[in-house]
Amino acid sequence: MPDGIVFPILSAISCFVRQVNGRWAIDVPKSFPWEALFQQAYIQETTTTANNPQTMGKDVDCYISLHGLIEMYFAATKKG
């Protein structure tokens, strides 16, 4: 997978990183809809960046979109 796609996804997943007892941990709930995140990444890659994955990694709108999906998940589930 090209870096340009991976970085916005990793950035969004960073919303699940928390410090617990002085250590950093990723705590993604089992109910998290991974397919929705991947679908949104696909939409960003095909529309916002016109099928150019390297541009995706440099486009702030791609990051905002994926972070927004995670924020909606937190709002809908009262997590976060």
PDB file of N, CA and C in Angstrom:
ATOM      1  N   MET A   1       0.854  -1.172   0.000  1.00  0.00           N
ATOM      2  CA  MET A   1       0.000   0.000   0.000  1.00  0.00           C
ATOM      3  C   MET A   1       0.899   1.233   0.000  1.00  0.00           C
ATOM      4  N   PRO A   2       0.596   2.205  -0.850  1.00  0.00           N
ATOM      5  CA  PRO A   2       1.408   3.422  -0.913  1.00  0.00           C
ATOM      6  C   PRO A   2       1.363   4.219   0.397  1.00  0.00           C
ATOM      7  N   ASP A   3       2.483   4.848   0.720  1.00  0.00           N
ATOM      8  CA  ASP A   3       2.586   5.656   1.945  1.00  0.00           C
ATOM      9  C   ASP A   3       1.500   6.717   2.029  1.00  0.00           C
ATOM     10  N   GLY A   4       1.150   7.304   0.903  1.00  0.00           N
ATOM     11  CA  GLY A   4       0.171   8.379   0.890  1.00  0.00           C
ATOM     12  C   GLY A   4      -1.189   7.950   1.408  1.00  0.00           C
ATOM     13  N   ILE A   5      -1.513   6.675   1.285  1.00  0.00           N
ATOM     14  CA  ILE A   5      -2.771   6.152   1.816  1.00  0.00           C
ATOM     15  C   ILE A   5      -2.601   5.778   3.282  1.00  0.00           C
ATOM     16  N   VAL A   6      -1.465   5.207   3.619  1.00  0.00           N
ATOM     17  CA  VAL A   6      -1.220   4.726   4.979  1.00  0.00           C
ATOM     18  C   VAL A   6      -1.183   5.863   5.995  1.00  0.00           C
ATOM     19  N   PHE A   7      -0.523   6.961   5.679  1.00  0.00           N
ATOM     20  CA  PHE A   7      -0.353   8.034   6.667  1.00  0.00           C
ATOM     21  C   PHE A   7      -1.666   8.648   7.148  1.00  0.00           C
ATOM     22  N   PRO A   8      -2.619   8.974   6.259  1.00  0.00           N
ATOM     23  CA  PRO A   8      -3.884   9.501   6.772  1.00  0.00           C
ATOM     24  C   PRO A   8      -4.651   8.488   7.632  1.00  0.00           C
ATOM     25  N   ILE A   9      -4.569   7.200   7.279  1.00  0.00           N
ATOM     26  CA  ILE A   9      -5.234   6.168   8.075  1.00  0.00           C
ATOM     27  C   ILE A   9      -4.573   6.059   9.444  1.00  0.00           C
ATOM     28  N   LEU A  10      -3.258   6.020   9.480  1.00  0.00           N
ATOM     29  CA  LEU A  10      -2.546   5.957  10.768  1.00  0.00           C
ATOM     30  C   LEU A  10      -2.834   7.185  11.621  1.00  0.00           C
ATOM     31  N   SER A  11      -2.895   8.327  10.978  1.00  0.00           N
ATOM     32  CA  SER A  11      -3.200   9.547  11.708  1.00  0.00           C
ATOM     33  C   SER A  11      -4.572   9.456  12.364  1.00  0.00           C
ATOM     34  N   ALA A  12      -5.553   8.947  11.634  1.00  0.00           N
ATOM     35  CA  ALA A  12      -6.898   8.805  12.194  1.00  0.00           C
ATOM     36  C   ALA A  12      -6.920   7.789  13.335  1.00  0.00           C
ATOM     37  N   ILE A  13      -6.226   6.680  13.161  1.00  0.00           N
ATOM     38  CA  ILE A  13      -6.191   5.649  14.200  1.00  0.00           C
ATOM     39  C   ILE A  13      -5.505   6.168  15.461  1.00  0.00           C
ATOM     40  N   SER A  14      -4.669   7.191  15.314  1.00  0.00           N
ATOM     41  CA  SER A  14      -3.996   7.753  16.491  1.00  0.00           C
ATOM     42  C   SER A  14      -4.999   8.308  17.500  1.00  0.00           C
ATOM     43  N   CYS A  15      -6.235   8.528  17.074  1.00  0.00           N
ATOM     44  CA  CYS A  15      -7.279   8.989  18.003  1.00  0.00           C
ATOM     45  C   CYS A  15      -7.547   7.951  19.096  1.00  0.00           C
ATOM     46  N   PHE A  16      -7.159   6.714  18.855  1.00  0.00           N
ATOM     47  CA  PHE A  16      -7.367   5.639  19.828  1.00  0.00           C
ATOM     48  C   PHE A  16      -6.183   5.446  20.780  1.00  0.00           C
ATOM     49  N   VAL A  17      -5.143   6.241  20.608  1.00  0.00           N
ATOM     50  CA  VAL A  17      -3.956   6.114  21.462  1.00  0.00           C
ATOM     51  C   VAL A  17      -4.186   6.879  22.763  1.00  0.00           C
ATOM     52  N   ARG A  18      -3.929   6.211  23.860  1.00  0.00           N
ATOM     53  CA  ARG A  18      -4.109   6.798  25.191  1.00  0.00           C
ATOM     54  C   ARG A  18      -2.920   6.441  26.073  1.00  0.00           C
ATOM     55  N   GLN A  19      -2.664   7.289  27.024  1.00  0.00           N
ATOM     56  CA  GLN A  19      -1.634   6.969  28.004  1.00  0.00           C
ATOM     57  C   GLN A  19      -2.318   6.302  29.197  1.00  0.00           C
ATOM     58  N   VAL A  20      -1.867   5.092  29.514  1.00  0.00           N
ATOM     59  CA  VAL A  20      -2.429   4.307  30.605  1.00  0.00           C
ATOM     60  C   VAL A  20      -1.289   3.894  31.524  1.00  0.00           C
ATOM     61  N   ASN A  21      -1.362   4.337  32.764  1.00  0.00           N
ATOM     62  CA  ASN A  21      -0.317   4.011  33.742  1.00  0.00           C
ATOM     63  C   ASN A  21       1.079   4.360  33.248  1.00  0.00           C
ATOM     64  N   GLY A  22       1.190   5.522  32.617  1.00  0.00           N
ATOM     65  CA  GLY A  22       2.488   5.995  32.154  1.00  0.00           C
ATOM     66  C   GLY A  22       2.975   5.365  30.865  1.00  0.00           C
ATOM     67  N   ARG A  23       2.162   4.504  30.249  1.00  0.00           N
ATOM     68  CA  ARG A  23       2.552   3.844  28.998  1.00  0.00           C
ATOM     69  C   ARG A  23       1.521   4.163  27.928  1.00  0.00           C
ATOM     70  N   TRP A  24       1.978   4.250  26.705  1.00  0.00           N
ATOM     71  CA  TRP A  24       1.081   4.522  25.593  1.00  0.00           C
ATOM     72  C   TRP A  24       0.513   3.215  25.057  1.00  0.00           C
ATOM     73  N   ALA A  25      -0.778   3.242  24.731  1.00  0.00           N
ATOM     74  CA  ALA A  25      -1.436   2.044  24.218  1.00  0.00           C
ATOM     75  C   ALA A  25      -2.478   2.436  23.181  1.00  0.00           C
ATOM     76  N   ILE A  26      -2.683   1.549  22.229  1.00  0.00           N
ATOM     77  CA  ILE A  26      -3.748   1.730  21.249  1.00  0.00           C
ATOM     78  C   ILE A  26      -4.911   0.871  21.717  1.00  0.00           C
ATOM     79  N   ASP A  27      -6.072   1.502  21.874  1.00  0.00           N
ATOM     80  CA  ASP A  27      -7.247   0.796  22.354  1.00  0.00           C
ATOM     81  C   ASP A  27      -8.398   1.020  21.382  1.00  0.00           C
ATOM     82  N   VAL A  28      -8.438   0.195  20.331  1.00  0.00           N
ATOM     83  CA  VAL A  28      -9.505   0.287  19.332  1.00  0.00           C
ATOM     84  C   VAL A  28     -10.630  -0.641  19.775  1.00  0.00           C
ATOM     85  N   PRO A  29     -11.827  -0.097  19.973  1.00  0.00           N
ATOM     86  CA  PRO A  29     -12.948  -0.948  20.395  1.00  0.00           C
ATOM     87  C   PRO A  29     -13.257  -2.037  19.363  1.00  0.00           C
ATOM     88  N   LYS A  30     -13.687  -3.176  19.837  1.00  0.00           N
ATOM     89  CA  LYS A  30     -14.019  -4.279  18.933  1.00  0.00           C
ATOM     90  C   LYS A  30     -15.140  -3.906  17.976  1.00  0.00           C
ATOM     91  N   SER A  31     -15.982  -2.976  18.391  1.00  0.00           N
ATOM     92  CA  SER A  31     -17.118  -2.580  17.548  1.00  0.00           C
ATOM     93  C   SER A  31     -16.750  -1.537  16.499  1.00  0.00           C
ATOM     94  N   PHE A  32     -15.492  -1.107  16.457  1.00  0.00           N
ATOM     95  CA  PHE A  32     -15.114  -0.073  15.488  1.00  0.00           C
ATOM     96  C   PHE A  32     -15.323  -0.579  14.058  1.00  0.00           C
ATOM     97  N   PRO A  33     -15.992   0.218  13.222  1.00  0.00           N
ATOM     98  CA  PRO A  33     -16.295  -0.208  11.845  1.00  0.00           C
ATOM     99  C   PRO A  33     -15.120   0.030  10.884  1.00  0.00           C
ATOM    100  N   TRP A  34     -14.181  -0.892  10.870  1.00  0.00           N
ATOM    101  CA  TRP A  34     -13.001  -0.758  10.012  1.00  0.00           C
ATOM    102  C   TRP A  34     -13.381  -0.545   8.549  1.00  0.00           C
ATOM    103  N   GLU A  35     -14.403  -1.253   8.091  1.00  0.00           N
ATOM    104  CA  GLU A  35     -14.805  -1.121   6.687  1.00  0.00           C
ATOM    105  C   GLU A  35     -15.194   0.315   6.350  1.00  0.00           C
ATOM    106  N   ALA A  36     -15.828   1.008   7.285  1.00  0.00           N
ATOM    107  CA  ALA A  36     -16.206   2.406   7.050  1.00  0.00           C
ATOM    108  C   ALA A  36     -14.958   3.277   6.898  1.00  0.00           C
ATOM    109  N   LEU A  37     -13.944   3.033   7.724  1.00  0.00           N
ATOM    110  CA  LEU A  37     -12.696   3.795   7.621  1.00  0.00           C
ATOM    111  C   LEU A  37     -12.017   3.522   6.281  1.00  0.00           C
ATOM    112  N   PHE A  38     -11.950   2.254   5.895  1.00  0.00           N
ATOM    113  CA  PHE A  38     -11.303   1.905   4.631  1.00  0.00           C
ATOM    114  C   PHE A  38     -12.094   2.468   3.449  1.00  0.00           C
ATOM    115  N   GLN A  39     -13.413   2.444   3.538  1.00  0.00           N
ATOM    116  CA  GLN A  39     -14.242   2.990   2.459  1.00  0.00           C
ATOM    117  C   GLN A  39     -14.031   4.499   2.337  1.00  0.00           C
ATOM    118  N   GLN A  40     -13.953   5.182   3.476  1.00  0.00           N
ATOM    119  CA  GLN A  40     -13.721   6.632   3.438  1.00  0.00           C
ATOM    120  C   GLN A  40     -12.338   6.941   2.861  1.00  0.00           C
ATOM    121  N   ALA A  41     -11.345   6.149   3.212  1.00  0.00           N
ATOM    122  CA  ALA A  41     -10.001   6.335   2.646  1.00  0.00           C
ATOM    123  C   ALA A  41     -10.041   6.125   1.132  1.00  0.00           C
ATOM    124  N   TYR A  42     -10.774   5.124   0.705  1.00  0.00           N
ATOM    125  CA  TYR A  42     -10.909   4.859  -0.730  1.00  0.00           C
ATOM    126  C   TYR A  42     -11.576   6.043  -1.435  1.00  0.00           C
ATOM    127  N   ILE A  43     -12.629   6.560  -0.831  1.00  0.00           N
ATOM    128  CA  ILE A  43     -13.326   7.711  -1.415  1.00  0.00           C
ATOM    129  C   ILE A  43     -12.379   8.900  -1.547  1.00  0.00           C
ATOM    130  N   GLN A  44     -11.593   9.144  -0.511  1.00  0.00           N
ATOM    131  CA  GLN A  44     -10.648  10.265  -0.558  1.00  0.00           C
ATOM    132  C   GLN A  44      -9.600  10.064  -1.644  1.00  0.00           C
ATOM    133  N   GLU A  45      -9.124   8.851  -1.768  1.00  0.00           N
ATOM    134  CA  GLU A  45      -8.076   8.569  -2.753  1.00  0.00           C
ATOM    135  C   GLU A  45      -8.615   8.692  -4.177  1.00  0.00           C
ATOM    136  N   THR A  46      -9.855   8.271  -4.387  1.00  0.00           N
ATOM    137  CA  THR A  46     -10.387   8.288  -5.753  1.00  0.00           C
ATOM    138  C   THR A  46     -10.986   9.634  -6.147  1.00  0.00           C
ATOM    139  N   THR A  47     -11.475  10.412  -5.182  1.00  0.00           N
ATOM    140  CA  THR A  47     -12.112  11.683  -5.542  1.00  0.00           C
ATOM    141  C   THR A  47     -11.233  12.885  -5.213  1.00  0.00           C
ATOM    142  N   THR A  48     -10.930  13.065  -3.948  1.00  0.00           N
ATOM    143  CA  THR A  48     -10.188  14.251  -3.506  1.00  0.00           C
ATOM    144  C   THR A  48      -8.820  14.345  -4.177  1.00  0.00           C
ATOM    145  N   THR A  49      -8.144  13.210  -4.315  1.00  0.00           N
ATOM    146  CA  THR A  49      -6.783  13.254  -4.865  1.00  0.00           C
ATOM    147  C   THR A  49      -6.686  12.644  -6.263  1.00  0.00           C
ATOM    148  N   ALA A  50      -7.831  12.405  -6.900  1.00  0.00           N
ATOM    149  CA  ALA A  50      -7.870  11.927  -8.288  1.00  0.00           C
ATOM    150  C   ALA A  50      -6.990  10.703  -8.524  1.00  0.00           C
ATOM    151  N   ASN A  51      -7.134   9.697  -7.666  1.00  0.00           N
ATOM    152  CA  ASN A  51      -6.408   8.427  -7.788  1.00  0.00           C
ATOM    153  C   ASN A  51      -4.894   8.563  -7.670  1.00  0.00           C
ATOM    154  N   ASN A  52      -4.441   9.568  -6.948  1.00  0.00           N
ATOM    155  CA  ASN A  52      -3.008   9.741  -6.734  1.00  0.00           C
ATOM    156  C   ASN A  52      -2.717   9.566  -5.243  1.00  0.00           C
ATOM    157  N   PRO A  53      -2.297   8.358  -4.838  1.00  0.00           N
ATOM    158  CA  PRO A  53      -2.097   8.100  -3.421  1.00  0.00           C
ATOM    159  C   PRO A  53      -1.015   8.973  -2.785  1.00  0.00           C
ATOM    160  N   GLN A  54      -0.024   9.389  -3.547  1.00  0.00           N
ATOM    161  CA  GLN A  54       1.015  10.238  -2.962  1.00  0.00           C
ATOM    162  C   GLN A  54       0.446  11.610  -2.602  1.00  0.00           C
ATOM    163  N   THR A  55      -0.483  12.092  -3.403  1.00  0.00           N
ATOM    164  CA  THR A  55      -1.136  13.354  -3.093  1.00  0.00           C
ATOM    165  C   THR A  55      -1.999  13.220  -1.846  1.00  0.00           C
ATOM    166  N   MET A  56      -2.594  12.054  -1.661  1.00  0.00           N
ATOM    167  CA  MET A  56      -3.455  11.827  -0.497  1.00  0.00           C
ATOM    168  C   MET A  56      -2.704  12.077   0.804  1.00  0.00           C
ATOM    169  N   GLY A  57      -1.473  11.649   0.874  1.00  0.00           N
ATOM    170  CA  GLY A  57      -0.668  11.834   2.074  1.00  0.00           C
ATOM    171  C   GLY A  57      -0.293  13.278   2.340  1.00  0.00           C
ATOM    172  N   LYS A  58      -0.496  14.147   1.355  1.00  0.00           N
ATOM    173  CA  LYS A  58      -0.142  15.561   1.492  1.00  0.00           C
ATOM    174  C   LYS A  58      -1.365  16.464   1.547  1.00  0.00           C
ATOM    175  N   ASP A  59      -2.553  15.892   1.424  1.00  0.00           N
ATOM    176  CA  ASP A  59      -3.789  16.685   1.344  1.00  0.00           C
ATOM    177  C   ASP A  59      -4.493  16.704   2.693  1.00  0.00           C
ATOM    178  N   VAL A  60      -4.597  17.865   3.289  1.00  0.00           N
ATOM    179  CA  VAL A  60      -5.189  18.009   4.616  1.00  0.00           C
ATOM    180  C   VAL A  60      -6.643  17.536   4.641  1.00  0.00           C
ATOM    181  N   ASP A  61      -7.359  17.685   3.541  1.00  0.00           N
ATOM    182  CA  ASP A  61      -8.755  17.254   3.506  1.00  0.00           C
ATOM    183  C   ASP A  61      -8.894  15.749   3.745  1.00  0.00           C
ATOM    184  N   CYS A  62      -7.925  14.972   3.292  1.00  0.00           N
ATOM    185  CA  CYS A  62      -7.961  13.526   3.509  1.00  0.00           C
ATOM    186  C   CYS A  62      -7.816  13.203   4.992  1.00  0.00           C
ATOM    187  N   TYR A  63      -6.928  13.898   5.653  1.00  0.00           N
ATOM    188  CA  TYR A  63      -6.739  13.687   7.089  1.00  0.00           C
ATOM    189  C   TYR A  63      -7.990  14.107   7.861  1.00  0.00           C
ATOM    190  N   ILE A  64      -8.543  15.262   7.508  1.00  0.00           N
ATOM    191  CA  ILE A  64      -9.733  15.773   8.189  1.00  0.00           C
ATOM    192  C   ILE A  64     -10.902  14.811   8.012  1.00  0.00           C
ATOM    193  N   SER A  65     -11.065  14.281   6.821  1.00  0.00           N
ATOM    194  CA  SER A  65     -12.162  13.365   6.549  1.00  0.00           C
ATOM    195  C   SER A  65     -12.063  12.101   7.402  1.00  0.00           C
ATOM    196  N   LEU A  66     -10.886  11.509   7.465  1.00  0.00           N
ATOM    197  CA  LEU A  66     -10.719  10.269   8.230  1.00  0.00           C
ATOM    198  C   LEU A  66     -10.816  10.524   9.729  1.00  0.00           C
ATOM    199  N   HIS A  67     -10.263  11.639  10.195  1.00  0.00           N
ATOM    200  CA  HIS A  67     -10.409  11.986  11.616  1.00  0.00           C
ATOM    201  C   HIS A  67     -11.880  12.238  11.940  1.00  0.00           C
ATOM    202  N   GLY A  68     -12.591  12.861  11.010  1.00  0.00           N
ATOM    203  CA  GLY A  68     -14.007  13.127  11.211  1.00  0.00           C
ATOM    204  C   GLY A  68     -14.810  11.858  11.367  1.00  0.00           C
ATOM    205  N   LEU A  69     -14.457  10.828  10.607  1.00  0.00           N
ATOM    206  CA  LEU A  69     -15.151   9.553  10.733  1.00  0.00           C
ATOM    207  C   LEU A  69     -14.960   8.983  12.138  1.00  0.00           C
ATOM    208  N   ILE A  70     -13.743   9.075  12.659  1.00  0.00           N
ATOM    209  CA  ILE A  70     -13.477   8.568  14.018  1.00  0.00           C
ATOM    210  C   ILE A  70     -14.232   9.407  15.051  1.00  0.00           C
ATOM    211  N   GLU A  71     -14.258  10.717  14.866  1.00  0.00           N
ATOM    212  CA  GLU A  71     -14.991  11.579  15.795  1.00  0.00           C
ATOM    213  C   GLU A  71     -16.485  11.258  15.774  1.00  0.00           C
ATOM    214  N   MET A  72     -17.031  10.951  14.608  1.00  0.00           N
ATOM    215  CA  MET A  72     -18.444  10.558  14.530  1.00  0.00           C
ATOM    216  C   MET A  72     -18.672   9.238  15.265  1.00  0.00           C
ATOM    217  N   TYR A  73     -17.717   8.320  15.151  1.00  0.00           N
ATOM    218  CA  TYR A  73     -17.816   7.059  15.879  1.00  0.00           C
ATOM    219  C   TYR A  73     -17.848   7.330  17.384  1.00  0.00           C
ATOM    220  N   PHE A  74     -16.930   8.189  17.855  1.00  0.00           N
ATOM    221  CA  PHE A  74     -16.909   8.534  19.282  1.00  0.00           C
ATOM    222  C   PHE A  74     -18.242   9.159  19.717  1.00  0.00           C
ATOM    223  N   ALA A  75     -18.775  10.052  18.905  1.00  0.00           N
ATOM    224  CA  ALA A  75     -20.028  10.717  19.252  1.00  0.00           C
ATOM    225  C   ALA A  75     -21.193   9.728  19.291  1.00  0.00           C
ATOM    226  N   ALA A  76     -21.204   8.803  18.333  1.00  0.00           N
ATOM    227  CA  ALA A  76     -22.308   7.843  18.254  1.00  0.00           C
ATOM    228  C   ALA A  76     -22.253   6.795  19.357  1.00  0.00           C
ATOM    229  N   THR A  77     -21.051   6.504  19.829  1.00  0.00           N
ATOM    230  CA  THR A  77     -20.911   5.437  20.824  1.00  0.00           C
ATOM    231  C   THR A  77     -20.583   5.968  22.212  1.00  0.00           C
ATOM    232  N   LYS A  78     -20.430   7.294  22.318  1.00  0.00           N
ATOM    233  CA  LYS A  78     -20.060   7.930  23.601  1.00  0.00           C
ATOM    234  C   LYS A  78     -18.709   7.432  24.104  1.00  0.00           C
ATOM    235  N   LYS A  79     -17.803   7.112  23.165  1.00  0.00           N
ATOM    236  CA  LYS A  79     -16.441   6.700  23.516  1.00  0.00           C
ATOM    237  C   LYS A  79     -15.495   7.832  23.156  1.00  0.00           C
ATOM    238  N   GLY A  80     -14.257   7.711  23.631  1.00  0.00           N
ATOM    239  CA  GLY A  80     -13.265   8.697  23.250  1.00  0.00           C
ATOM    240  C   GLY A  80     -12.931   9.614  24.271  1.00  0.00           C
TER     241      GLY A  80
END
